[in-house]
Amino acid sequence: MDIDYSKIPVPYMTAAARRYIEHGSRVGDFQLAVFKADEKNLPALRDWLLFLHWEAPEECHGSPEKMRAWIERGGLSGKQAG
């Protein structure tokens, strides 16, 4: 799966998003609750949603249960290994 991480609207969030998607690493507050967005991420919420919808695997977002399962699986690297 080719993921275009350049579409992440706030560059300093790229590494965290990559670690979550690829390895199922636990995420920060913003990724858990977008309503806690900081001053850079708040205006970028639409772009975050577009990134998740078009680039991120659908198994990694959408509900707390999906996120927990994704983290337990180890993200894409765990999925590919299993």
N, C-alpha and C. Protein backbone atom coordinates (compact mmCIF):
# COMPACT_ATOMS: atom_id res chain seq x y z
N MET A 1 0.84 -1.17 0.00
CA MET A 1 0.00 0.00 0.00
C MET A 1 0.88 1.24 0.00
N ASP A 2 0.65 2.13 -0.95
CA ASP A 2 1.40 3.39 -1.02
C ASP A 2 0.59 4.49 -0.36
N ILE A 3 1.15 5.07 0.67
CA ILE A 3 0.50 6.14 1.41
C ILE A 3 1.27 7.43 1.16
N ASP A 4 0.58 8.46 0.73
CA ASP A 4 1.21 9.75 0.46
C ASP A 4 1.17 10.60 1.73
N TYR A 5 2.21 10.45 2.54
CA TYR A 5 2.27 11.19 3.80
C TYR A 5 2.45 12.69 3.58
N SER A 6 2.81 13.10 2.38
CA SER A 6 2.95 14.54 2.12
C SER A 6 1.60 15.25 2.18
N LYS A 7 0.51 14.51 2.19
CA LYS A 7 -0.82 15.11 2.27
C LYS A 7 -1.23 15.44 3.70
N ILE A 8 -0.41 15.08 4.67
CA ILE A 8 -0.70 15.45 6.06
C ILE A 8 -0.56 16.96 6.15
N PRO A 9 -1.60 17.64 6.63
CA PRO A 9 -1.63 19.10 6.55
C PRO A 9 -0.69 19.84 7.50
N VAL A 10 -0.23 19.22 8.55
CA VAL A 10 0.66 19.87 9.51
C VAL A 10 1.92 19.02 9.59
N PRO A 11 3.01 19.47 8.95
CA PRO A 11 4.20 18.63 8.79
C PRO A 11 4.75 17.99 10.06
N TYR A 12 4.72 18.68 11.20
CA TYR A 12 5.31 18.07 12.39
C TYR A 12 4.51 16.88 12.90
N MET A 13 3.33 16.64 12.35
CA MET A 13 2.51 15.49 12.74
C MET A 13 2.80 14.25 11.88
N THR A 14 3.60 14.42 10.83
CA THR A 14 3.85 13.33 9.88
C THR A 14 4.48 12.12 10.55
N ALA A 15 5.49 12.32 11.35
CA ALA A 15 6.19 11.19 11.97
C ALA A 15 5.25 10.39 12.87
N ALA A 16 4.42 11.07 13.65
CA ALA A 16 3.48 10.36 14.53
C ALA A 16 2.45 9.59 13.73
N ALA A 17 1.93 10.20 12.67
CA ALA A 17 0.94 9.51 11.83
C ALA A 17 1.57 8.30 11.17
N ARG A 18 2.79 8.43 10.69
CA ARG A 18 3.51 7.32 10.05
C ARG A 18 3.73 6.18 11.05
N ARG A 19 4.18 6.52 12.27
CA ARG A 19 4.41 5.48 13.28
C ARG A 19 3.12 4.73 13.61
N TYR A 20 2.01 5.46 13.70
CA TYR A 20 0.72 4.82 14.00
C TYR A 20 0.29 3.91 12.85
N ILE A 21 0.31 4.43 11.63
CA ILE A 21 -0.16 3.65 10.48
C ILE A 21 0.75 2.45 10.22
N GLU A 22 2.04 2.66 10.26
CA GLU A 22 2.96 1.59 9.89
C GLU A 22 3.24 0.59 11.01
N HIS A 23 3.23 1.05 12.25
CA HIS A 23 3.63 0.17 13.35
C HIS A 23 2.61 0.05 14.47
N GLY A 24 1.49 0.76 14.34
CA GLY A 24 0.47 0.68 15.39
C GLY A 24 0.91 1.31 16.69
N SER A 25 1.83 2.28 16.60
CA SER A 25 2.28 2.97 17.81
C SER A 25 1.14 3.79 18.40
N ARG A 26 1.14 3.89 19.71
CA ARG A 26 0.12 4.71 20.36
C ARG A 26 0.23 6.14 19.87
N VAL A 27 -0.88 6.83 19.84
CA VAL A 27 -0.93 8.18 19.28
C VAL A 27 -1.14 9.22 20.36
N GLY A 28 -0.93 10.45 19.99
CA GLY A 28 -1.10 11.55 20.93
C GLY A 28 -2.54 11.99 21.05
N ASP A 29 -2.74 12.98 21.89
CA ASP A 29 -4.09 13.48 22.16
C ASP A 29 -4.82 13.91 20.91
N PHE A 30 -4.13 14.60 20.00
CA PHE A 30 -4.83 15.09 18.81
C PHE A 30 -5.42 13.95 18.01
N GLN A 31 -4.65 12.92 17.80
CA GLN A 31 -5.15 11.81 17.00
C GLN A 31 -6.24 11.04 17.72
N LEU A 32 -6.27 11.08 19.02
CA LEU A 32 -7.33 10.40 19.76
C LEU A 32 -8.60 11.24 19.84
N ALA A 33 -8.45 12.54 19.91
CA ALA A 33 -9.62 13.42 20.05
C ALA A 33 -9.35 14.71 19.28
N VAL A 34 -9.85 14.79 18.08
CA VAL A 34 -9.54 15.95 17.24
C VAL A 34 -10.03 17.25 17.85
N PHE A 35 -10.94 17.19 18.79
CA PHE A 35 -11.42 18.42 19.40
C PHE A 35 -10.42 19.02 20.36
N LYS A 36 -9.33 18.33 20.61
CA LYS A 36 -8.25 18.88 21.42
C LYS A 36 -7.15 19.45 20.52
N ALA A 37 -7.48 19.72 19.28
CA ALA A 37 -6.50 20.18 18.30
C ALA A 37 -5.85 21.49 18.73
N ASP A 38 -4.56 21.59 18.45
CA ASP A 38 -3.85 22.83 18.74
C ASP A 38 -4.11 23.85 17.64
N GLU A 39 -3.47 25.01 17.75
CA GLU A 39 -3.75 26.11 16.82
C GLU A 39 -3.35 25.82 15.38
N LYS A 40 -2.47 24.87 15.15
CA LYS A 40 -2.10 24.51 13.78
C LYS A 40 -3.01 23.42 13.22
N ASN A 41 -3.42 22.50 14.06
CA ASN A 41 -4.24 21.38 13.59
C ASN A 41 -5.72 21.73 13.46
N LEU A 42 -6.21 22.63 14.29
CA LEU A 42 -7.63 22.97 14.25
C LEU A 42 -8.07 23.45 12.87
N PRO A 43 -7.38 24.41 12.24
CA PRO A 43 -7.81 24.82 10.91
C PRO A 43 -7.55 23.76 9.84
N ALA A 44 -6.78 22.74 10.18
CA ALA A 44 -6.44 21.69 9.22
C ALA A 44 -7.31 20.44 9.36
N LEU A 45 -8.35 20.49 10.18
CA LEU A 45 -9.17 19.29 10.42
C LEU A 45 -9.73 18.69 9.12
N ARG A 46 -10.19 19.53 8.23
CA ARG A 46 -10.72 19.03 6.95
C ARG A 46 -9.64 18.24 6.20
N ASP A 47 -8.44 18.80 6.16
CA ASP A 47 -7.35 18.12 5.47
C ASP A 47 -6.96 16.82 6.17
N TRP A 48 -7.03 16.80 7.51
CA TRP A 48 -6.79 15.55 8.24
C TRP A 48 -7.82 14.50 7.85
N LEU A 49 -9.08 14.90 7.78
CA LEU A 49 -10.13 13.94 7.39
C LEU A 49 -9.92 13.43 5.98
N LEU A 50 -9.53 14.30 5.08
CA LEU A 50 -9.25 13.86 3.70
C LEU A 50 -8.08 12.89 3.67
N PHE A 51 -7.03 13.19 4.46
CA PHE A 51 -5.89 12.28 4.51
C PHE A 51 -6.32 10.90 5.02
N LEU A 52 -7.06 10.88 6.12
CA LEU A 52 -7.50 9.59 6.66
C LEU A 52 -8.37 8.84 5.67
N HIS A 53 -9.28 9.53 5.03
CA HIS A 53 -10.20 8.88 4.10
C HIS A 53 -9.50 8.33 2.87
N TRP A 54 -8.61 9.12 2.29
CA TRP A 54 -8.00 8.74 1.01
C TRP A 54 -6.66 8.04 1.12
N GLU A 55 -5.94 8.22 2.20
CA GLU A 55 -4.58 7.67 2.28
C GLU A 55 -4.40 6.58 3.33
N ALA A 56 -4.98 6.75 4.49
CA ALA A 56 -4.75 5.79 5.58
C ALA A 56 -5.63 4.55 5.40
N PRO A 57 -5.15 3.39 5.81
CA PRO A 57 -5.97 2.18 5.73
C PRO A 57 -7.26 2.34 6.54
N GLU A 58 -8.37 1.89 5.99
CA GLU A 58 -9.64 2.07 6.69
C GLU A 58 -9.71 1.31 8.01
N GLU A 59 -8.88 0.31 8.18
CA GLU A 59 -8.88 -0.45 9.44
C GLU A 59 -8.26 0.33 10.59
N CYS A 60 -7.59 1.46 10.32
CA CYS A 60 -6.86 2.16 11.37
C CYS A 60 -7.60 3.37 11.93
N HIS A 61 -8.79 3.67 11.44
CA HIS A 61 -9.51 4.84 11.95
C HIS A 61 -11.01 4.63 11.85
N GLY A 62 -11.74 5.47 12.58
CA GLY A 62 -13.19 5.41 12.50
C GLY A 62 -13.88 5.12 13.81
N SER A 63 -13.17 4.46 14.72
CA SER A 63 -13.75 4.17 16.03
C SER A 63 -12.63 3.84 17.00
N PRO A 64 -12.89 3.99 18.30
CA PRO A 64 -11.88 3.61 19.29
C PRO A 64 -11.52 2.13 19.18
N GLU A 65 -12.50 1.30 18.86
CA GLU A 65 -12.23 -0.15 18.75
C GLU A 65 -11.27 -0.43 17.59
N LYS A 66 -11.49 0.23 16.46
CA LYS A 66 -10.58 0.05 15.32
C LYS A 66 -9.18 0.51 15.67
N MET A 67 -9.08 1.64 16.38
CA MET A 67 -7.76 2.15 16.75
C MET A 67 -7.06 1.20 17.71
N ARG A 68 -7.78 0.67 18.70
CA ARG A 68 -7.17 -0.29 19.64
C ARG A 68 -6.68 -1.53 18.90
N ALA A 69 -7.52 -2.05 18.01
CA ALA A 69 -7.14 -3.24 17.24
C ALA A 69 -5.92 -2.96 16.37
N TRP A 70 -5.87 -1.77 15.77
CA TRP A 70 -4.75 -1.41 14.91
C TRP A 70 -3.46 -1.35 15.71
N ILE A 71 -3.53 -0.76 16.90
CA ILE A 71 -2.35 -0.67 17.77
C ILE A 71 -1.92 -2.07 18.22
N GLU A 72 -2.87 -2.91 18.61
CA GLU A 72 -2.53 -4.27 19.04
C GLU A 72 -1.92 -5.08 17.89
N ARG A 73 -2.38 -4.85 16.68
CA ARG A 73 -1.87 -5.56 15.50
C ARG A 73 -0.47 -5.11 15.14
N GLY A 74 -0.12 -3.88 15.53
CA GLY A 74 1.20 -3.36 15.18
C GLY A 74 1.21 -2.60 13.88
N GLY A 75 0.06 -2.04 13.49
CA GLY A 75 -0.01 -1.24 12.27
C GLY A 75 0.24 -2.06 11.02
N LEU A 76 0.64 -1.38 9.96
CA LEU A 76 0.91 -2.08 8.68
C LEU A 76 2.01 -3.11 8.82
N SER A 77 3.05 -2.81 9.59
CA SER A 77 4.16 -3.76 9.70
C SER A 77 3.72 -5.03 10.40
N GLY A 78 2.86 -4.92 11.39
CA GLY A 78 2.35 -6.13 12.05
C GLY A 78 1.39 -6.89 11.14
N LYS A 79 0.60 -6.15 10.37
CA LYS A 79 -0.35 -6.76 9.44
C LYS A 79 0.40 -7.53 8.37
N GLN A 80 1.46 -6.96 7.86
CA GLN A 80 2.24 -7.60 6.80
C GLN A 80 2.98 -8.82 7.33
N ALA A 81 3.42 -8.75 8.59
CA ALA A 81 4.16 -9.87 9.17
C ALA A 81 3.24 -11.04 9.50
N GLY A 82 1.96 -10.75 9.75
CA GLY A 82 1.03 -11.78 10.20
C GLY A 82 0.26 -12.36 9.14
